[in-house]
Amino acid sequence: MLYVFYAAIALACVGSVAFSLLARRATEPKARGLHAARTNLCMGALLVLAAAVQFVLFEPDTVRIIVGSLFLLIGIFNLFAGLRNYGYFSRM
C-alpha cells in the first residue's frame, strides 16, 4: 500500500512538471491553457494523495491532521480549477 501511494505521488509530480514545462513553451493560447489545466489537475492529485498519506499511513497527530486538511483543501481546489479550465480551453 505504501508503494502505491508513493508511485502515484511520483507520477503526479512528474506530470505536473512536464505539463508545466509544456504550458510555458506553448505558443498558442489554447495549447497553453490546456497544458496549464493539466498541470492544475496533476498538482491537485499530488496534494490529495499527500493528504491521504498523512491521514492513512501515520499516527494521528494535531499538526498532521491540520497539514493533511490543508493539503486536501488546496488539492480539491486545484482539481476543481483544472477541470473548469480544461473544459473552457477544450471548447475554444
Protein backbone atom coordinates (compact mmCIF):
# COMPACT_ATOMS: atom_id res chain seq x y z
CA MET A 1 0.00 0.00 0.00
CA LEU A 2 2.85 2.33 0.82
CA TYR A 3 4.45 1.84 -2.59
CA VAL A 4 1.18 2.56 -4.38
CA PHE A 5 0.90 5.94 -2.66
CA TYR A 6 4.48 6.85 -3.39
CA ALA A 7 4.27 5.72 -7.02
CA ALA A 8 1.10 7.75 -7.55
CA ILE A 9 2.69 10.80 -5.91
CA ALA A 10 5.78 10.45 -8.10
CA LEU A 11 3.62 10.09 -11.22
CA ALA A 12 1.58 13.18 -10.31
CA CYS A 13 4.77 15.14 -9.61
CA VAL A 14 6.32 14.17 -12.95
CA GLY A 15 3.07 15.01 -14.75
CA SER A 16 2.86 18.38 -13.03
CA VAL A 17 6.41 19.32 -14.01
CA ALA A 18 6.02 18.03 -17.57
CA PHE A 19 2.74 19.85 -18.22
CA SER A 20 4.11 23.00 -16.62
CA LEU A 21 7.06 22.98 -18.99
CA LEU A 22 4.78 22.30 -21.95
CA ALA A 23 2.50 25.17 -20.90
CA ARG A 24 5.40 27.58 -20.68
CA ARG A 25 6.76 26.59 -24.09
CA ALA A 26 3.43 26.57 -25.94
CA THR A 27 2.79 29.50 -28.26
CA GLU A 28 -0.92 29.01 -28.92
CA PRO A 29 -3.25 30.23 -26.16
CA LYS A 30 -5.43 27.11 -26.41
CA ALA A 31 -2.49 24.72 -26.03
CA ARG A 32 -1.05 26.82 -23.20
CA GLY A 33 -4.38 26.79 -21.38
CA LEU A 34 -4.88 23.05 -21.83
CA HIS A 35 -1.40 22.28 -20.52
CA ALA A 36 -1.89 24.65 -17.58
CA ALA A 37 -5.19 22.93 -16.78
CA ARG A 38 -3.47 19.54 -16.84
CA THR A 39 -0.81 20.99 -14.54
CA ASN A 40 -3.56 22.00 -12.10
CA LEU A 41 -5.09 18.54 -12.30
CA CYS A 42 -1.76 16.84 -11.58
CA MET A 43 -0.97 19.24 -8.75
CA GLY A 44 -4.40 18.68 -7.23
CA ALA A 45 -3.94 14.92 -7.42
CA LEU A 46 -0.49 15.28 -5.85
CA LEU A 47 -1.87 17.29 -2.92
CA VAL A 48 -4.84 14.97 -2.37
CA LEU A 49 -2.52 11.96 -2.38
CA ALA A 50 -0.14 13.69 0.04
CA ALA A 51 -3.11 14.36 2.33
CA ALA A 52 -4.14 10.71 2.07
CA VAL A 53 -0.63 9.64 3.08
CA GLN A 54 -0.83 11.96 6.10
CA PHE A 55 -4.19 10.54 7.16
CA VAL A 56 -3.67 6.85 6.42
CA LEU A 57 -0.04 5.90 6.94
CA PHE A 58 0.94 7.79 10.09
CA GLU A 59 -0.32 8.10 13.64
CA PRO A 60 -2.93 10.84 14.06
CA ASP A 61 -1.44 14.00 15.49
CA THR A 62 -2.82 17.54 15.64
CA VAL A 63 -0.18 19.00 13.34
CA ARG A 64 -0.51 16.08 10.89
CA ILE A 65 -4.29 16.49 10.77
CA ILE A 66 -4.02 20.25 10.15
CA VAL A 67 -1.39 19.86 7.41
CA GLY A 68 -3.31 17.00 5.81
CA SER A 69 -6.53 19.02 5.86
CA LEU A 70 -4.82 22.00 4.23
CA PHE A 71 -3.31 19.74 1.55
CA LEU A 72 -6.74 18.22 0.95
CA LEU A 73 -8.49 21.58 0.62
CA ILE A 74 -5.86 23.05 -1.70
CA GLY A 75 -5.79 19.82 -3.72
CA ILE A 76 -9.56 19.79 -4.19
CA PHE A 77 -9.44 23.45 -5.23
CA ASN A 78 -6.70 22.67 -7.79
CA LEU A 79 -8.69 19.72 -9.15
CA PHE A 80 -11.79 21.92 -9.50
CA ALA A 81 -9.82 24.74 -11.17
CA GLY A 82 -8.11 22.28 -13.52
CA LEU A 83 -11.40 20.70 -14.58
CA ARG A 84 -13.01 24.10 -15.10
CA ASN A 85 -10.08 25.43 -17.13
CA TYR A 86 -9.78 22.23 -19.14
CA GLY A 87 -13.44 22.48 -20.09
CA TYR A 88 -13.06 26.13 -21.03
CA PHE A 89 -9.94 25.70 -23.18
CA SER A 90 -11.11 22.50 -24.84
CA ARG A 91 -14.18 24.34 -26.16
CA MET A 92 -12.10 27.17 -27.66
